[in-house]
Amino acid sequence: MTNQTNQTLMWEVRCEPGKAPAVAEWARAIIVPPLWQDESVASYNAYSSAGPDGERVVIVIDYLGNAPESLFAEPPAHLIARPGHAWVFERLDV
């Protein structure tokens, strides 16, 4: 959607086995610093999980206005089992 409501970007990547800590460190070094300077970023959080289908790192960024379609960078290929996927959400009033 392209209206001016606040949007959230959720980005998720499946990591190679044992590489979630390295992907999290990559996110701290590459993804987070530009968010500090982006006046449209209201907040952000990062998460990791490990389950039967692998390890994942997820970043959730709340924007004031429209969110981009994806993050601006990808982790190094040797750290990930598949490229990142991104979804843009709009908050519901419930």
PDB file of N, CA and C in Angstrom:
ATOM      1  N   MET A   1       0.836  -1.177   0.000  1.00  0.00           N
ATOM      2  CA  MET A   1       0.000   0.000   0.000  1.00  0.00           C
ATOM      3  C   MET A   1       0.886   1.248   0.000  1.00  0.00           C
ATOM      4  N   THR A   2       0.394   2.276  -0.597  1.00  0.00           N
ATOM      5  CA  THR A   2       1.232   3.460  -0.732  1.00  0.00           C
ATOM      6  C   THR A   2       0.653   4.696  -0.064  1.00  0.00           C
ATOM      7  N   ASN A   3      -0.313   4.536   0.837  1.00  0.00           N
ATOM      8  CA  ASN A   3      -0.835   5.726   1.500  1.00  0.00           C
ATOM      9  C   ASN A   3       0.147   6.177   2.582  1.00  0.00           C
ATOM     10  N   GLN A   4      -0.178   7.258   3.276  1.00  0.00           N
ATOM     11  CA  GLN A   4       0.747   7.847   4.225  1.00  0.00           C
ATOM     12  C   GLN A   4       0.559   7.352   5.653  1.00  0.00           C
ATOM     13  N   THR A   5      -0.052   6.207   5.848  1.00  0.00           N
ATOM     14  CA  THR A   5      -0.110   5.660   7.193  1.00  0.00           C
ATOM     15  C   THR A   5       1.266   5.105   7.551  1.00  0.00           C
ATOM     16  N   ASN A   6       1.499   4.962   8.819  1.00  0.00           N
ATOM     17  CA  ASN A   6       2.783   4.406   9.257  1.00  0.00           C
ATOM     18  C   ASN A   6       2.851   2.932   8.892  1.00  0.00           C
ATOM     19  N   GLN A   7       4.016   2.527   8.404  1.00  0.00           N
ATOM     20  CA  GLN A   7       4.205   1.155   7.967  1.00  0.00           C
ATOM     21  C   GLN A   7       5.364   0.516   8.719  1.00  0.00           C
ATOM     22  N   THR A   8       5.373  -0.811   8.694  1.00  0.00           N
ATOM     23  CA  THR A   8       6.428  -1.607   9.315  1.00  0.00           C
ATOM     24  C   THR A   8       7.022  -2.535   8.271  1.00  0.00           C
ATOM     25  N   LEU A   9       8.341  -2.595   8.245  1.00  0.00           N
ATOM     26  CA  LEU A   9       9.050  -3.538   7.383  1.00  0.00           C
ATOM     27  C   LEU A   9       9.544  -4.688   8.245  1.00  0.00           C
ATOM     28  N   MET A  10       9.211  -5.908   7.851  1.00  0.00           N
ATOM     29  CA  MET A  10       9.760  -7.090   8.501  1.00  0.00           C
ATOM     30  C   MET A  10      10.651  -7.789   7.486  1.00  0.00           C
ATOM     31  N   TRP A  11      11.908  -7.977   7.843  1.00  0.00           N
ATOM     32  CA  TRP A  11      12.885  -8.632   6.980  1.00  0.00           C
ATOM     33  C   TRP A  11      13.368  -9.880   7.686  1.00  0.00           C
ATOM     34  N   GLU A  12      13.441 -10.983   6.948  1.00  0.00           N
ATOM     35  CA  GLU A  12      13.826 -12.269   7.534  1.00  0.00           C
ATOM     36  C   GLU A  12      14.811 -12.973   6.613  1.00  0.00           C
ATOM     37  N   VAL A  13      15.826 -13.579   7.210  1.00  0.00           N
ATOM     38  CA  VAL A  13      16.775 -14.375   6.443  1.00  0.00           C
ATOM     39  C   VAL A  13      17.003 -15.699   7.164  1.00  0.00           C
ATOM     40  N   ARG A  14      17.065 -16.772   6.394  1.00  0.00           N
ATOM     41  CA  ARG A  14      17.416 -18.081   6.951  1.00  0.00           C
ATOM     42  C   ARG A  14      18.927 -18.233   6.835  1.00  0.00           C
ATOM     43  N   CYS A  15      19.548 -18.568   7.955  1.00  0.00           N
ATOM     44  CA  CYS A  15      21.014 -18.614   8.043  1.00  0.00           C
ATOM     45  C   CYS A  15      21.534 -20.020   7.784  1.00  0.00           C
ATOM     46  N   GLU A  16      22.765 -20.094   7.354  1.00  0.00           N
ATOM     47  CA  GLU A  16      23.458 -21.378   7.306  1.00  0.00           C
ATOM     48  C   GLU A  16      23.580 -21.889   8.745  1.00  0.00           C
ATOM     49  N   PRO A  17      23.636 -23.204   8.955  1.00  0.00           N
ATOM     50  CA  PRO A  17      23.724 -23.733  10.317  1.00  0.00           C
ATOM     51  C   PRO A  17      24.873 -23.100  11.105  1.00  0.00           C
ATOM     52  N   GLY A  18      24.544 -22.639  12.295  1.00  0.00           N
ATOM     53  CA  GLY A  18      25.538 -22.045  13.176  1.00  0.00           C
ATOM     54  C   GLY A  18      25.936 -20.622  12.841  1.00  0.00           C
ATOM     55  N   LYS A  19      25.342 -20.021  11.820  1.00  0.00           N
ATOM     56  CA  LYS A  19      25.755 -18.685  11.363  1.00  0.00           C
ATOM     57  C   LYS A  19      24.855 -17.550  11.834  1.00  0.00           C
ATOM     58  N   ALA A  20      23.793 -17.844  12.595  1.00  0.00           N
ATOM     59  CA  ALA A  20      22.911 -16.766  13.059  1.00  0.00           C
ATOM     60  C   ALA A  20      23.669 -15.708  13.863  1.00  0.00           C
ATOM     61  N   PRO A  21      24.597 -16.080  14.753  1.00  0.00           N
ATOM     62  CA  PRO A  21      25.338 -15.031  15.465  1.00  0.00           C
ATOM     63  C   PRO A  21      26.128 -14.122  14.512  1.00  0.00           C
ATOM     64  N   ALA A  22      26.692 -14.682  13.466  1.00  0.00           N
ATOM     65  CA  ALA A  22      27.442 -13.868  12.496  1.00  0.00           C
ATOM     66  C   ALA A  22      26.501 -12.961  11.710  1.00  0.00           C
ATOM     67  N   VAL A  23      25.314 -13.452  11.373  1.00  0.00           N
ATOM     68  CA  VAL A  23      24.337 -12.609  10.676  1.00  0.00           C
ATOM     69  C   VAL A  23      23.860 -11.490  11.601  1.00  0.00           C
ATOM     70  N   ALA A  24      23.648 -11.811  12.870  1.00  0.00           N
ATOM     71  CA  ALA A  24      23.253 -10.777  13.832  1.00  0.00           C
ATOM     72  C   ALA A  24      24.341  -9.716  13.954  1.00  0.00           C
ATOM     73  N   GLU A  25      25.593 -10.109  13.981  1.00  0.00           N
ATOM     74  CA  GLU A  25      26.696  -9.151  14.054  1.00  0.00           C
ATOM     75  C   GLU A  25      26.761  -8.311  12.784  1.00  0.00           C
ATOM     76  N   TRP A  26      26.545  -8.938  11.640  1.00  0.00           N
ATOM     77  CA  TRP A  26      26.490  -8.196  10.370  1.00  0.00           C
ATOM     78  C   TRP A  26      25.388  -7.140  10.439  1.00  0.00           C
ATOM     79  N   ALA A  27      24.202  -7.529  10.943  1.00  0.00           N
ATOM     80  CA  ALA A  27      23.088  -6.574  11.050  1.00  0.00           C
ATOM     81  C   ALA A  27      23.460  -5.407  11.959  1.00  0.00           C
ATOM     82  N   ARG A  28      24.126  -5.696  13.099  1.00  0.00           N
ATOM     83  CA  ARG A  28      24.553  -4.620  14.011  1.00  0.00           C
ATOM     84  C   ARG A  28      25.494  -3.647  13.320  1.00  0.00           C
ATOM     85  N   ALA A  29      26.363  -4.173  12.486  1.00  0.00           N
ATOM     86  CA  ALA A  29      27.384  -3.337  11.843  1.00  0.00           C
ATOM     87  C   ALA A  29      26.883  -2.628  10.585  1.00  0.00           C
ATOM     88  N   ILE A  30      26.007  -3.264   9.828  1.00  0.00           N
ATOM     89  CA  ILE A  30      25.625  -2.746   8.508  1.00  0.00           C
ATOM     90  C   ILE A  30      24.217  -2.153   8.484  1.00  0.00           C
ATOM     91  N   ILE A  31      23.254  -2.809   9.087  1.00  0.00           N
ATOM     92  CA  ILE A  31      21.860  -2.372   9.009  1.00  0.00           C
ATOM     93  C   ILE A  31      21.535  -1.304  10.046  1.00  0.00           C
ATOM     94  N   VAL A  32      21.964  -1.505  11.282  1.00  0.00           N
ATOM     95  CA  VAL A  32      21.539  -0.622  12.372  1.00  0.00           C
ATOM     96  C   VAL A  32      22.070   0.806  12.259  1.00  0.00           C
ATOM     97  N   PRO A  33      23.352   1.053  12.001  1.00  0.00           N
ATOM     98  CA  PRO A  33      23.819   2.452  11.995  1.00  0.00           C
ATOM     99  C   PRO A  33      23.039   3.393  11.069  1.00  0.00           C
ATOM    100  N   PRO A  34      22.698   3.003   9.850  1.00  0.00           N
ATOM    101  CA  PRO A  34      21.898   3.924   9.021  1.00  0.00           C
ATOM    102  C   PRO A  34      20.499   4.185   9.585  1.00  0.00           C
ATOM    103  N   LEU A  35      19.956   3.241  10.359  1.00  0.00           N
ATOM    104  CA  LEU A  35      18.633   3.455  10.947  1.00  0.00           C
ATOM    105  C   LEU A  35      18.658   4.596  11.951  1.00  0.00           C
ATOM    106  N   TRP A  36      19.789   4.763  12.665  1.00  0.00           N
ATOM    107  CA  TRP A  36      19.916   5.851  13.645  1.00  0.00           C
ATOM    108  C   TRP A  36      19.760   7.214  12.980  1.00  0.00           C
ATOM    109  N   GLN A  37      20.162   7.307  11.719  1.00  0.00           N
ATOM    110  CA  GLN A  37      20.172   8.594  11.033  1.00  0.00           C
ATOM    111  C   GLN A  37      18.952   8.812  10.149  1.00  0.00           C
ATOM    112  N   ASP A  38      18.105   7.812  10.034  1.00  0.00           N
ATOM    113  CA  ASP A  38      16.919   7.903   9.184  1.00  0.00           C
ATOM    114  C   ASP A  38      15.767   8.473  10.008  1.00  0.00           C
ATOM    115  N   GLU A  39      15.386   9.706   9.727  1.00  0.00           N
ATOM    116  CA  GLU A  39      14.337  10.372  10.505  1.00  0.00           C
ATOM    117  C   GLU A  39      12.964   9.728  10.339  1.00  0.00           C
ATOM    118  N   SER A  40      12.808   8.869   9.339  1.00  0.00           N
ATOM    119  CA  SER A  40      11.528   8.196   9.154  1.00  0.00           C
ATOM    120  C   SER A  40      11.425   6.912   9.979  1.00  0.00           C
ATOM    121  N   VAL A  41      12.513   6.497  10.632  1.00  0.00           N
ATOM    122  CA  VAL A  41      12.491   5.290  11.465  1.00  0.00           C
ATOM    123  C   VAL A  41      12.021   5.665  12.870  1.00  0.00           C
ATOM    124  N   ALA A  42      10.890   5.073  13.286  1.00  0.00           N
ATOM    125  CA  ALA A  42      10.367   5.318  14.628  1.00  0.00           C
ATOM    126  C   ALA A  42      11.020   4.386  15.645  1.00  0.00           C
ATOM    127  N   SER A  43      11.224   3.120  15.268  1.00  0.00           N
ATOM    128  CA  SER A  43      11.858   2.141  16.150  1.00  0.00           C
ATOM    129  C   SER A  43      12.243   0.917  15.332  1.00  0.00           C
ATOM    130  N   TYR A  44      13.070   0.083  15.942  1.00  0.00           N
ATOM    131  CA  TYR A  44      13.447  -1.170  15.289  1.00  0.00           C
ATOM    132  C   TYR A  44      13.810  -2.194  16.351  1.00  0.00           C
ATOM    133  N   ASN A  45      13.679  -3.462  15.990  1.00  0.00           N
ATOM    134  CA  ASN A  45      14.071  -4.580  16.839  1.00  0.00           C
ATOM    135  C   ASN A  45      14.615  -5.679  15.958  1.00  0.00           C
ATOM    136  N   ALA A  46      15.512  -6.471  16.519  1.00  0.00           N
ATOM    137  CA  ALA A  46      16.054  -7.630  15.814  1.00  0.00           C
ATOM    138  C   ALA A  46      15.819  -8.864  16.667  1.00  0.00           C
ATOM    139  N   TYR A  47      15.591  -9.982  16.000  1.00  0.00           N
ATOM    140  CA  TYR A  47      15.279 -11.237  16.674  1.00  0.00           C
ATOM    141  C   TYR A  47      16.041 -12.368  15.998  1.00  0.00           C
ATOM    142  N   SER A  48      16.275 -13.434  16.750  1.00  0.00           N
ATOM    143  CA  SER A  48      16.814 -14.651  16.146  1.00  0.00           C
ATOM    144  C   SER A  48      16.009 -15.831  16.655  1.00  0.00           C
ATOM    145  N   SER A  49      15.984 -16.871  15.861  1.00  0.00           N
ATOM    146  CA  SER A  49      15.284 -18.085  16.274  1.00  0.00           C
ATOM    147  C   SER A  49      16.012 -19.284  15.693  1.00  0.00           C
ATOM    148  N   ALA A  50      15.828 -20.413  16.341  1.00  0.00           N
ATOM    149  CA  ALA A  50      16.363 -21.682  15.847  1.00  0.00           C
ATOM    150  C   ALA A  50      15.254 -22.704  15.970  1.00  0.00           C
ATOM    151  N   GLY A  51      14.985 -23.386  14.886  1.00  0.00           N
ATOM    152  CA  GLY A  51      13.916 -24.373  14.883  1.00  0.00           C
ATOM    153  C   GLY A  51      14.249 -25.504  13.935  1.00  0.00           C
ATOM    154  N   PRO A  52      13.306 -26.403  13.740  1.00  0.00           N
ATOM    155  CA  PRO A  52      13.566 -27.556  12.874  1.00  0.00           C
ATOM    156  C   PRO A  52      13.875 -27.187  11.430  1.00  0.00           C
ATOM    157  N   ASP A  53      13.429 -26.019  10.986  1.00  0.00           N
ATOM    158  CA  ASP A  53      13.710 -25.614   9.606  1.00  0.00           C
ATOM    159  C   ASP A  53      14.882 -24.635   9.524  1.00  0.00           C
ATOM    160  N   GLY A  54      15.656 -24.496  10.595  1.00  0.00           N
ATOM    161  CA  GLY A  54      16.875 -23.695  10.534  1.00  0.00           C
ATOM    162  C   GLY A  54      16.872 -22.483  11.432  1.00  0.00           C
ATOM    163  N   GLU A  55      17.991 -21.781  11.390  1.00  0.00           N
ATOM    164  CA  GLU A  55      18.173 -20.556  12.158  1.00  0.00           C
ATOM    165  C   GLU A  55      17.748 -19.369  11.308  1.00  0.00           C
ATOM    166  N   ARG A  56      17.157 -18.373  11.966  1.00  0.00           N
ATOM    167  CA  ARG A  56      16.702 -17.179  11.264  1.00  0.00           C
ATOM    168  C   ARG A  56      17.065 -15.933  12.051  1.00  0.00           C
ATOM    169  N   VAL A  57      17.264 -14.858  11.322  1.00  0.00           N
ATOM    170  CA  VAL A  57      17.388 -13.525  11.907  1.00  0.00           C
ATOM    171  C   VAL A  57      16.293 -12.683  11.280  1.00  0.00           C
ATOM    172  N   VAL A  58      15.572 -11.961  12.138  1.00  0.00           N
ATOM    173  CA  VAL A  58      14.456 -11.121  11.703  1.00  0.00           C
ATOM    174  C   VAL A  58      14.699  -9.709  12.217  1.00  0.00           C
ATOM    175  N   ILE A  59      14.485  -8.725  11.356  1.00  0.00           N
ATOM    176  CA  ILE A  59      14.561  -7.321  11.750  1.00  0.00           C
ATOM    177  C   ILE A  59      13.210  -6.691  11.448  1.00  0.00           C
ATOM    178  N   VAL A  60      12.665  -5.993  12.444  1.00  0.00           N
ATOM    179  CA  VAL A  60      11.368  -5.328  12.316  1.00  0.00           C
ATOM    180  C   VAL A  60      11.605  -3.835  12.521  1.00  0.00           C
ATOM    181  N   ILE A  61      11.250  -3.040  11.521  1.00  0.00           N
ATOM    182  CA  ILE A  61      11.492  -1.596  11.564  1.00  0.00           C
ATOM    183  C   ILE A  61      10.160  -0.879  11.387  1.00  0.00           C
ATOM    184  N   ASP A  62       9.820  -0.034  12.367  1.00  0.00           N
ATOM    185  CA  ASP A  62       8.619   0.795  12.284  1.00  0.00           C
ATOM    186  C   ASP A  62       8.995   2.142  11.679  1.00  0.00           C
ATOM    187  N   TYR A  63       8.255   2.532  10.650  1.00  0.00           N
ATOM    188  CA  TYR A  63       8.507   3.790   9.947  1.00  0.00           C
ATOM    189  C   TYR A  63       7.388   4.785  10.196  1.00  0.00           C
ATOM    190  N   LEU A  64       7.732   6.046  10.173  1.00  0.00           N
ATOM    191  CA  LEU A  64       6.754   7.124  10.162  1.00  0.00           C
ATOM    192  C   LEU A  64       6.462   7.392   8.688  1.00  0.00           C
ATOM    193  N   GLY A  65       5.373   6.872   8.204  1.00  0.00           N
ATOM    194  CA  GLY A  65       5.070   6.954   6.790  1.00  0.00           C
ATOM    195  C   GLY A  65       5.357   5.622   6.113  1.00  0.00           C
ATOM    196  N   ASN A  66       5.683   5.687   4.836  1.00  0.00           N
ATOM    197  CA  ASN A  66       5.889   4.487   4.042  1.00  0.00           C
ATOM    198  C   ASN A  66       7.220   3.826   4.324  1.00  0.00           C
ATOM    199  N   ALA A  67       7.197   2.503   4.372  1.00  0.00           N
ATOM    200  CA  ALA A  67       8.410   1.703   4.534  1.00  0.00           C
ATOM    201  C   ALA A  67       8.979   1.366   3.163  1.00  0.00           C
ATOM    202  N   PRO A  68      10.287   1.153   3.074  1.00  0.00           N
ATOM    203  CA  PRO A  68      10.852   0.674   1.810  1.00  0.00           C
ATOM    204  C   PRO A  68      10.390  -0.766   1.560  1.00  0.00           C
ATOM    205  N   GLU A  69      10.593  -1.250   0.373  1.00  0.00           N
ATOM    206  CA  GLU A  69      10.175  -2.613   0.025  1.00  0.00           C
ATOM    207  C   GLU A  69      11.076  -3.683   0.632  1.00  0.00           C
ATOM    208  N   SER A  70      12.309  -3.331   0.974  1.00  0.00           N
ATOM    209  CA  SER A  70      13.244  -4.291   1.548  1.00  0.00           C
ATOM    210  C   SER A  70      14.380  -3.535   2.208  1.00  0.00           C
ATOM    211  N   LEU A  71      15.284  -4.271   2.854  1.00  0.00           N
ATOM    212  CA  LEU A  71      16.488  -3.650   3.398  1.00  0.00           C
ATOM    213  C   LEU A  71      17.425  -3.285   2.265  1.00  0.00           C
ATOM    214  N   PHE A  72      18.385  -2.440   2.540  1.00  0.00           N
ATOM    215  CA  PHE A  72      19.290  -1.921   1.519  1.00  0.00           C
ATOM    216  C   PHE A  72      20.529  -2.770   1.336  1.00  0.00           C
ATOM    217  N   ALA A  73      20.659  -3.877   2.071  1.00  0.00           N
ATOM    218  CA  ALA A  73      21.849  -4.725   1.969  1.00  0.00           C
ATOM    219  C   ALA A  73      21.476  -6.165   2.296  1.00  0.00           C
ATOM    220  N   GLU A  74      22.289  -7.086   1.836  1.00  0.00           N
ATOM    221  CA  GLU A  74      22.126  -8.511   2.124  1.00  0.00           C
ATOM    222  C   GLU A  74      23.373  -9.007   2.842  1.00  0.00           C
ATOM    223  N   PRO A  75      23.216  -9.937   3.787  1.00  0.00           N
ATOM    224  CA  PRO A  75      24.401 -10.516   4.431  1.00  0.00           C
ATOM    225  C   PRO A  75      25.268 -11.244   3.408  1.00  0.00           C
ATOM    226  N   PRO A  76      26.536 -11.454   3.736  1.00  0.00           N
ATOM    227  CA  PRO A  76      27.401 -12.221   2.840  1.00  0.00           C
ATOM    228  C   PRO A  76      26.797 -13.594   2.536  1.00  0.00           C
ATOM    229  N   ALA A  77      26.920 -14.014   1.300  1.00  0.00           N
ATOM    230  CA  ALA A  77      26.275 -15.247   0.827  1.00  0.00           C
ATOM    231  C   ALA A  77      26.676 -16.476   1.630  1.00  0.00           C
ATOM    232  N   HIS A  78      27.902 -16.528   2.132  1.00  0.00           N
ATOM    233  CA  HIS A  78      28.324 -17.721   2.873  1.00  0.00           C
ATOM    234  C   HIS A  78      27.663 -17.850   4.248  1.00  0.00           C
ATOM    235  N   LEU A  79      26.960 -16.799   4.701  1.00  0.00           N
ATOM    236  CA  LEU A  79      26.288 -16.842   5.997  1.00  0.00           C
ATOM    237  C   LEU A  79      24.818 -17.246   5.896  1.00  0.00           C
ATOM    238  N   ILE A  80      24.248 -17.192   4.697  1.00  0.00           N
ATOM    239  CA  ILE A  80      22.805 -17.386   4.568  1.00  0.00           C
ATOM    240  C   ILE A  80      22.465 -18.591   3.700  1.00  0.00           C
ATOM    241  N   ALA A  81      21.349 -19.243   4.068  1.00  0.00           N
ATOM    242  CA  ALA A  81      20.870 -20.397   3.312  1.00  0.00           C
ATOM    243  C   ALA A  81      20.007 -19.967   2.129  1.00  0.00           C
ATOM    244  N   ARG A  82      19.430 -18.784   2.230  1.00  0.00           N
ATOM    245  CA  ARG A  82      18.668 -18.208   1.114  1.00  0.00           C
ATOM    246  C   ARG A  82      18.612 -16.698   1.324  1.00  0.00           C
ATOM    247  N   PRO A  83      18.410 -15.941   0.257  1.00  0.00           N
ATOM    248  CA  PRO A  83      18.351 -14.478   0.386  1.00  0.00           C
ATOM    249  C   PRO A  83      17.229 -14.042   1.318  1.00  0.00           C
ATOM    250  N   GLY A  84      17.369 -12.837   1.839  1.00  0.00           N
ATOM    251  CA  GLY A  84      16.360 -12.283   2.735  1.00  0.00           C
ATOM    252  C   GLY A  84      15.033 -12.054   2.027  1.00  0.00           C
ATOM    253  N   HIS A  85      13.969 -12.108   2.804  1.00  0.00           N
ATOM    254  CA  HIS A  85      12.629 -11.809   2.328  1.00  0.00           C
ATOM    255  C   HIS A  85      12.088 -10.658   3.162  1.00  0.00           C
ATOM    256  N   ALA A  86      11.313  -9.800   2.549  1.00  0.00           N
ATOM    257  CA  ALA A  86      10.769  -8.646   3.261  1.00  0.00           C
ATOM    258  C   ALA A  86       9.279  -8.514   2.999  1.00  0.00           C
ATOM    259  N   TRP A  87       8.578  -8.015   4.027  1.00  0.00           N
ATOM    260  CA  TRP A  87       7.156  -7.749   3.939  1.00  0.00           C
ATOM    261  C   TRP A  87       6.901  -6.390   4.555  1.00  0.00           C
ATOM    262  N   VAL A  88       6.000  -5.637   3.954  1.00  0.00           N
ATOM    263  CA  VAL A  88       5.595  -4.338   4.502  1.00  0.00           C
ATOM    264  C   VAL A  88       4.182  -4.509   5.070  1.00  0.00           C
ATOM    265  N   PHE A  89       4.018  -4.045   6.305  1.00  0.00           N
ATOM    266  CA  PHE A  89       2.746  -4.134   7.012  1.00  0.00           C
ATOM    267  C   PHE A  89       2.258  -2.755   7.397  1.00  0.00           C
ATOM    268  N   GLU A  90       0.957  -2.627   7.553  1.00  0.00           N
ATOM    269  CA  GLU A  90       0.347  -1.438   8.144  1.00  0.00           C
ATOM    270  C   GLU A  90      -0.314  -1.855   9.440  1.00  0.00           C
ATOM    271  N   ARG A  91      -0.139  -1.031  10.469  1.00  0.00           N
ATOM    272  CA  ARG A  91      -0.715  -1.333  11.785  1.00  0.00           C
ATOM    273  C   ARG A  91      -2.234  -1.253  11.711  1.00  0.00           C
ATOM    274  N   LEU A  92      -2.869  -2.224  12.331  1.00  0.00           N
ATOM    275  CA  LEU A  92      -4.321  -2.245  12.409  1.00  0.00           C
ATOM    276  C   LEU A  92      -4.791  -1.639  13.716  1.00  0.00           C
ATOM    277  N   ASP A  93      -5.876  -0.930  13.672  1.00  0.00           N
ATOM    278  CA  ASP A  93      -6.525  -0.448  14.890  1.00  0.00           C
ATOM    279  C   ASP A  93      -7.495  -1.534  15.336  1.00  0.00           C
ATOM    280  N   VAL A  94      -7.125  -2.250  16.384  1.00  0.00           N
ATOM    281  CA  VAL A  94      -7.999  -3.318  16.888  1.00  0.00           C
ATOM    282  C   VAL A  94      -8.309  -3.089  18.345  1.00  0.00           C
TER     283      VAL A  94
END
